Every structure is written in structure tokens, then in C-alpha cells.
Amino acid sequence: MAANLQQQRIINHQLRREVDVPRMQVSEACLLIMKYISDHESDDCLLNGFTSQKVNPFREKASCAIL
């Protein structure tokens, strides 16, 4: 019983913290995400590619050559 009471107190404390979190409608959040994506698409390397191979973090590393 004591463990259940402690668990309920933890849940109650969490809910009290979450009540102050600002909320927004999903449609508003989607519009903000779409605006962010369209504003930053010129910087997106997946859409435009990399300016050079040196900036590409996914390039193949030079292999080790044993002489």
C-alpha cells in the first residue's frame, strides 16, 4: 500500500508540473513546422547536396595502405 501511495504521489507531482506547459493546436504546430522547413530548405544538405566532399560527414574515409 505504501508503494502504491508513493507511486500516486509521483504521478500527481508530474501532472502538477505538466499543467503549466503551454499548449498549442496541432494545426498551428504543423503550420510552424512547414514554415520552418521552407525557410531552411536552402541549408538542407539532403536536398541540395554538399558544397564539397570535405564537408560531407558521410564520405568514405581514406583506407589505410600498408607499404
PDB file of N, CA and C in Angstrom:
ATOM      1  N   MET A   1       0.822  -1.195   0.000  1.00  0.00           N
ATOM      2  CA  MET A   1       0.000   0.000   0.000  1.00  0.00           C
ATOM      3  C   MET A   1       0.869   1.262   0.000  1.00  0.00           C
ATOM      4  N   ALA A   2       1.968   1.240   0.736  1.00  0.00           N
ATOM      5  CA  ALA A   2       2.847   2.405   0.803  1.00  0.00           C
ATOM      6  C   ALA A   2       3.492   2.672  -0.555  1.00  0.00           C
ATOM      7  N   ALA A   3       3.834   1.591  -1.279  1.00  0.00           N
ATOM      8  CA  ALA A   3       4.440   1.757  -2.598  1.00  0.00           C
ATOM      9  C   ALA A   3       3.434   2.373  -3.564  1.00  0.00           C
ATOM     10  N   ASN A   4       2.172   1.956  -3.468  1.00  0.00           N
ATOM     11  CA  ASN A   4       1.125   2.496  -4.327  1.00  0.00           C
ATOM     12  C   ASN A   4       0.906   3.979  -4.026  1.00  0.00           C
ATOM     13  N   LEU A   5       0.931   4.338  -2.743  1.00  0.00           N
ATOM     14  CA  LEU A   5       0.764   5.736  -2.360  1.00  0.00           C
ATOM     15  C   LEU A   5       1.919   6.583  -2.885  1.00  0.00           C
ATOM     16  N   GLN A   6       3.129   6.057  -2.783  1.00  0.00           N
ATOM     17  CA  GLN A   6       4.298   6.778  -3.293  1.00  0.00           C
ATOM     18  C   GLN A   6       4.200   6.949  -4.805  1.00  0.00           C
ATOM     19  N   GLN A   7       3.748   5.917  -5.505  1.00  0.00           N
ATOM     20  CA  GLN A   7       3.601   5.998  -6.958  1.00  0.00           C
ATOM     21  C   GLN A   7       2.550   7.041  -7.335  1.00  0.00           C
ATOM     22  N   GLN A   8       1.456   7.095  -6.609  1.00  0.00           N
ATOM     23  CA  GLN A   8       0.413   8.089  -6.872  1.00  0.00           C
ATOM     24  C   GLN A   8       0.919   9.506  -6.609  1.00  0.00           C
ATOM     25  N   ARG A   9       1.760   9.677  -5.612  1.00  0.00           N
ATOM     26  CA  ARG A   9       2.345  11.000  -5.341  1.00  0.00           C
ATOM     27  C   ARG A   9       3.259  11.432  -6.484  1.00  0.00           C
ATOM     28  N   ILE A  10       4.025  10.496  -7.010  1.00  0.00           N
ATOM     29  CA  ILE A  10       4.913  10.805  -8.140  1.00  0.00           C
ATOM     30  C   ILE A  10       4.087  11.221  -9.353  1.00  0.00           C
ATOM     31  N   ILE A  11       3.026  10.485  -9.632  1.00  0.00           N
ATOM     32  CA  ILE A  11       2.153  10.811 -10.760  1.00  0.00           C
ATOM     33  C   ILE A  11       1.508  12.177 -10.554  1.00  0.00           C
ATOM     34  N   ASN A  12       1.044  12.436  -9.330  1.00  0.00           N
ATOM     35  CA  ASN A  12       0.419  13.719  -9.012  1.00  0.00           C
ATOM     36  C   ASN A  12       1.410  14.863  -9.207  1.00  0.00           C
ATOM     37  N   HIS A  13       2.640  14.676  -8.754  1.00  0.00           N
ATOM     38  CA  HIS A  13       3.673  15.704  -8.905  1.00  0.00           C
ATOM     39  C   HIS A  13       3.965  15.961 -10.382  1.00  0.00           C
ATOM     40  N   GLN A  14       4.034  14.907 -11.179  1.00  0.00           N
ATOM     41  CA  GLN A  14       4.271  15.044 -12.617  1.00  0.00           C
ATOM     42  C   GLN A  14       3.132  15.804 -13.286  1.00  0.00           C
ATOM     43  N   LEU A  15       1.909  15.489 -12.927  1.00  0.00           N
ATOM     44  CA  LEU A  15       0.756  16.169 -13.524  1.00  0.00           C
ATOM     45  C   LEU A  15       0.727  17.650 -13.133  1.00  0.00           C
ATOM     46  N   ARG A  16       1.129  17.962 -11.915  1.00  0.00           N
ATOM     47  CA  ARG A  16       1.185  19.368 -11.489  1.00  0.00           C
ATOM     48  C   ARG A  16       2.233  20.144 -12.294  1.00  0.00           C
ATOM     49  N   ARG A  17       3.349  19.481 -12.635  1.00  0.00           N
ATOM     50  CA  ARG A  17       4.358  20.143 -13.473  1.00  0.00           C
ATOM     51  C   ARG A  17       3.840  20.340 -14.894  1.00  0.00           C
ATOM     52  N   GLU A  18       3.128  19.369 -15.420  1.00  0.00           N
ATOM     53  CA  GLU A  18       2.655  19.429 -16.801  1.00  0.00           C
ATOM     54  C   GLU A  18       1.521  20.413 -17.010  1.00  0.00           C
ATOM     55  N   VAL A  19       0.817  20.797 -15.953  1.00  0.00           N
ATOM     56  CA  VAL A  19      -0.318  21.704 -16.113  1.00  0.00           C
ATOM     57  C   VAL A  19       0.148  23.082 -16.580  1.00  0.00           C
ATOM     58  N   ASP A  20       1.381  23.459 -16.295  1.00  0.00           N
ATOM     59  CA  ASP A  20       1.887  24.769 -16.680  1.00  0.00           C
ATOM     60  C   ASP A  20       2.536  24.791 -18.056  1.00  0.00           C
ATOM     61  N   VAL A  21       2.619  23.661 -18.712  1.00  0.00           N
ATOM     62  CA  VAL A  21       3.227  23.599 -20.046  1.00  0.00           C
ATOM     63  C   VAL A  21       2.286  24.266 -21.042  1.00  0.00           C
ATOM     64  N   PRO A  22       2.801  25.238 -21.808  1.00  0.00           N
ATOM     65  CA  PRO A  22       1.917  25.898 -22.783  1.00  0.00           C
ATOM     66  C   PRO A  22       1.500  24.935 -23.892  1.00  0.00           C
ATOM     67  N   ARG A  23       0.258  25.000 -24.296  1.00  0.00           N
ATOM     68  CA  ARG A  23      -0.296  24.113 -25.322  1.00  0.00           C
ATOM     69  C   ARG A  23      -0.565  24.895 -26.598  1.00  0.00           C
ATOM     70  N   MET A  24      -0.562  24.203 -27.705  1.00  0.00           N
ATOM     71  CA  MET A  24      -0.971  24.807 -28.971  1.00  0.00           C
ATOM     72  C   MET A  24      -1.690  23.751 -29.789  1.00  0.00           C
ATOM     73  N   GLN A  25      -2.511  24.212 -30.703  1.00  0.00           N
ATOM     74  CA  GLN A  25      -3.262  23.285 -31.535  1.00  0.00           C
ATOM     75  C   GLN A  25      -2.321  22.615 -32.534  1.00  0.00           C
ATOM     76  N   VAL A  26      -2.671  21.397 -32.912  1.00  0.00           N
ATOM     77  CA  VAL A  26      -1.848  20.629 -33.838  1.00  0.00           C
ATOM     78  C   VAL A  26      -1.751  21.342 -35.187  1.00  0.00           C
ATOM     79  N   SER A  27      -2.838  21.929 -35.633  1.00  0.00           N
ATOM     80  CA  SER A  27      -2.811  22.620 -36.927  1.00  0.00           C
ATOM     81  C   SER A  27      -1.843  23.797 -36.898  1.00  0.00           C
ATOM     82  N   GLU A  28      -1.790  24.509 -35.780  1.00  0.00           N
ATOM     83  CA  GLU A  28      -0.847  25.627 -35.645  1.00  0.00           C
ATOM     84  C   GLU A  28       0.595  25.121 -35.613  1.00  0.00           C
ATOM     85  N   ALA A  29       0.826  24.019 -34.898  1.00  0.00           N
ATOM     86  CA  ALA A  29       2.168  23.445 -34.835  1.00  0.00           C
ATOM     87  C   ALA A  29       2.616  22.967 -36.213  1.00  0.00           C
ATOM     88  N   CYS A  30       1.708  22.362 -36.974  1.00  0.00           N
ATOM     89  CA  CYS A  30       2.048  21.901 -38.328  1.00  0.00           C
ATOM     90  C   CYS A  30       2.418  23.071 -39.229  1.00  0.00           C
ATOM     91  N   LEU A  31       1.677  24.169 -39.123  1.00  0.00           N
ATOM     92  CA  LEU A  31       1.993  25.344 -39.935  1.00  0.00           C
ATOM     93  C   LEU A  31       3.366  25.902 -39.575  1.00  0.00           C
ATOM     94  N   LEU A  32       3.691  25.924 -38.292  1.00  0.00           N
ATOM     95  CA  LEU A  32       5.002  26.413 -37.865  1.00  0.00           C
ATOM     96  C   LEU A  32       6.125  25.502 -38.365  1.00  0.00           C
ATOM     97  N   ILE A  33       5.898  24.196 -38.329  1.00  0.00           N
ATOM     98  CA  ILE A  33       6.909  23.249 -38.825  1.00  0.00           C
ATOM     99  C   ILE A  33       7.100  23.422 -40.325  1.00  0.00           C
ATOM    100  N   MET A  34       6.008  23.571 -41.065  1.00  0.00           N
ATOM    101  CA  MET A  34       6.108  23.755 -42.509  1.00  0.00           C
ATOM    102  C   MET A  34       6.830  25.058 -42.849  1.00  0.00           C
ATOM    103  N   LYS A  35       6.573  26.112 -42.087  1.00  0.00           N
ATOM    104  CA  LYS A  35       7.252  27.380 -42.313  1.00  0.00           C
ATOM    105  C   LYS A  35       8.742  27.250 -42.022  1.00  0.00           C
ATOM    106  N   TYR A  36       9.085  26.554 -40.943  1.00  0.00           N
ATOM    107  CA  TYR A  36      10.496  26.360 -40.599  1.00  0.00           C
ATOM    108  C   TYR A  36      11.214  25.589 -41.701  1.00  0.00           C
ATOM    109  N   ILE A  37      10.573  24.545 -42.201  1.00  0.00           N
ATOM    110  CA  ILE A  37      11.183  23.724 -43.250  1.00  0.00           C
ATOM    111  C   ILE A  37      11.396  24.541 -44.518  1.00  0.00           C
ATOM    112  N   SER A  38      10.387  25.306 -44.905  1.00  0.00           N
ATOM    113  CA  SER A  38      10.541  26.084 -46.137  1.00  0.00           C
ATOM    114  C   SER A  38      11.562  27.210 -45.962  1.00  0.00           C
ATOM    115  N   ASP A  39      11.683  27.773 -44.759  1.00  0.00           N
ATOM    116  CA  ASP A  39      12.677  28.826 -44.516  1.00  0.00           C
ATOM    117  C   ASP A  39      14.103  28.295 -44.532  1.00  0.00           C
ATOM    118  N   HIS A  40      14.294  27.035 -44.152  1.00  0.00           N
ATOM    119  CA  HIS A  40      15.635  26.481 -44.016  1.00  0.00           C
ATOM    120  C   HIS A  40      15.983  25.448 -45.080  1.00  0.00           C
ATOM    121  N   GLU A  41      15.170  25.325 -46.120  1.00  0.00           N
ATOM    122  CA  GLU A  41      15.455  24.294 -47.119  1.00  0.00           C
ATOM    123  C   GLU A  41      16.708  24.597 -47.932  1.00  0.00           C
ATOM    124  N   SER A  42      17.125  25.848 -48.009  1.00  0.00           N
ATOM    125  CA  SER A  42      18.357  26.156 -48.745  1.00  0.00           C
ATOM    126  C   SER A  42      19.594  25.653 -47.997  1.00  0.00           C
ATOM    127  N   ASP A  43      19.491  25.456 -46.684  1.00  0.00           N
ATOM    128  CA  ASP A  43      20.613  24.961 -45.880  1.00  0.00           C
ATOM    129  C   ASP A  43      20.606  23.442 -45.732  1.00  0.00           C
ATOM    130  N   ASP A  44      19.596  22.781 -46.267  1.00  0.00           N
ATOM    131  CA  ASP A  44      19.439  21.343 -46.073  1.00  0.00           C
ATOM    132  C   ASP A  44      20.332  20.575 -47.035  1.00  0.00           C
ATOM    133  N   CYS A  45      21.305  19.887 -46.489  1.00  0.00           N
ATOM    134  CA  CYS A  45      22.264  19.139 -47.317  1.00  0.00           C
ATOM    135  C   CYS A  45      21.627  17.919 -47.975  1.00  0.00           C
ATOM    136  N   LEU A  46      20.560  17.400 -47.391  1.00  0.00           N
ATOM    137  CA  LEU A  46      19.902  16.252 -48.007  1.00  0.00           C
ATOM    138  C   LEU A  46      19.161  16.651 -49.282  1.00  0.00           C
ATOM    139  N   LEU A  47      18.726  17.909 -49.373  1.00  0.00           N
ATOM    140  CA  LEU A  47      18.051  18.383 -50.581  1.00  0.00           C
ATOM    141  C   LEU A  47      19.025  18.911 -51.618  1.00  0.00           C
ATOM    142  N   ASN A  48      20.037  19.653 -51.176  1.00  0.00           N
ATOM    143  CA  ASN A  48      20.933  20.357 -52.090  1.00  0.00           C
ATOM    144  C   ASN A  48      22.278  19.677 -52.279  1.00  0.00           C
ATOM    145  N   GLY A  49      22.603  18.731 -51.465  1.00  0.00           N
ATOM    146  CA  GLY A  49      23.918  18.115 -51.525  1.00  0.00           C
ATOM    147  C   GLY A  49      24.943  18.953 -50.778  1.00  0.00           C
ATOM    148  N   PHE A  50      26.157  18.466 -50.717  1.00  0.00           N
ATOM    149  CA  PHE A  50      27.221  19.161 -50.008  1.00  0.00           C
ATOM    150  C   PHE A  50      28.017  20.019 -50.977  1.00  0.00           C
ATOM    151  N   THR A  51      28.560  21.121 -50.463  1.00  0.00           N
ATOM    152  CA  THR A  51      29.327  22.021 -51.320  1.00  0.00           C
ATOM    153  C   THR A  51      30.633  21.378 -51.767  1.00  0.00           C
ATOM    154  N   SER A  52      31.230  20.553 -50.910  1.00  0.00           N
ATOM    155  CA  SER A  52      32.443  19.821 -51.287  1.00  0.00           C
ATOM    156  C   SER A  52      32.475  18.519 -50.491  1.00  0.00           C
ATOM    157  N   GLN A  53      33.342  17.615 -50.879  1.00  0.00           N
ATOM    158  CA  GLN A  53      33.432  16.341 -50.172  1.00  0.00           C
ATOM    159  C   GLN A  53      34.009  16.499 -48.766  1.00  0.00           C
ATOM    160  N   LYS A  54      34.764  17.571 -48.534  1.00  0.00           N
ATOM    161  CA  LYS A  54      35.349  17.768 -47.207  1.00  0.00           C
ATOM    162  C   LYS A  54      34.295  18.043 -46.140  1.00  0.00           C
ATOM    163  N   VAL A  55      33.180  18.668 -46.511  1.00  0.00           N
ATOM    164  CA  VAL A  55      32.129  18.978 -45.547  1.00  0.00           C
ATOM    165  C   VAL A  55      31.158  17.826 -45.363  1.00  0.00           C
ATOM    166  N   ASN A  56      31.246  16.826 -46.177  1.00  0.00           N
ATOM    167  CA  ASN A  56      30.353  15.684 -46.099  1.00  0.00           C
ATOM    168  C   ASN A  56      30.802  14.756 -44.967  1.00  0.00           C
ATOM    169  N   PRO A  57      30.031  14.657 -43.871  1.00  0.00           N
ATOM    170  CA  PRO A  57      30.426  13.778 -42.771  1.00  0.00           C
ATOM    171  C   PRO A  57      30.227  12.300 -43.105  1.00  0.00           C
ATOM    172  N   PHE A  58      29.526  11.995 -44.198  1.00  0.00           N
ATOM    173  CA  PHE A  58      29.232  10.614 -44.560  1.00  0.00           C
ATOM    174  C   PHE A  58      30.152  10.075 -45.652  1.00  0.00           C
ATOM    175  N   ARG A  59      31.155  10.841 -46.045  1.00  0.00           N
ATOM    176  CA  ARG A  59      32.058  10.394 -47.105  1.00  0.00           C
ATOM    177  C   ARG A  59      32.866   9.194 -46.607  1.00  0.00           C
ATOM    178  N   GLU A  60      33.340   8.423 -47.547  1.00  0.00           N
ATOM    179  CA  GLU A  60      34.136   7.261 -47.186  1.00  0.00           C
ATOM    180  C   GLU A  60      35.508   7.748 -46.758  1.00  0.00           C
ATOM    181  N   LYS A  61      35.954   7.210 -45.675  1.00  0.00           N
ATOM    182  CA  LYS A  61      37.271   7.596 -45.143  1.00  0.00           C
ATOM    183  C   LYS A  61      38.354   6.928 -45.985  1.00  0.00           C
ATOM    184  N   ALA A  62      39.509   7.562 -46.000  1.00  0.00           N
ATOM    185  CA  ALA A  62      40.635   7.009 -46.740  1.00  0.00           C
ATOM    186  C   ALA A  62      41.046   5.693 -46.079  1.00  0.00           C
ATOM    187  N   SER A  63      41.303   4.718 -46.896  1.00  0.00           N
ATOM    188  CA  SER A  63      41.710   3.423 -46.339  1.00  0.00           C
ATOM    189  C   SER A  63      43.188   3.454 -45.983  1.00  0.00           C
ATOM    190  N   CYS A  64      43.553   2.629 -45.076  1.00  0.00           N
ATOM    191  CA  CYS A  64      44.943   2.561 -44.626  1.00  0.00           C
ATOM    192  C   CYS A  64      45.734   1.693 -45.615  1.00  0.00           C
ATOM    193  N   ALA A  65      46.827   2.215 -46.093  1.00  0.00           N
ATOM    194  CA  ALA A  65      47.658   1.473 -47.038  1.00  0.00           C
ATOM    195  C   ALA A  65      48.946   1.065 -46.343  1.00  0.00           C
ATOM    196  N   ILE A  66      49.229  -0.227 -46.352  1.00  0.00           N
ATOM    197  CA  ILE A  66      50.456  -0.720 -45.747  1.00  0.00           C
ATOM    198  C   ILE A  66      51.468  -0.908 -46.849  1.00  0.00           C
ATOM    199  N   LEU A  67      52.637  -0.298 -46.666  1.00  0.00           N
ATOM    200  CA  LEU A  67      53.677  -0.377 -47.699  1.00  0.00           C
ATOM    201  C   LEU A  67      54.534  -1.577 -47.526  1.00  0.00           C
TER     202      LEU A  67
END
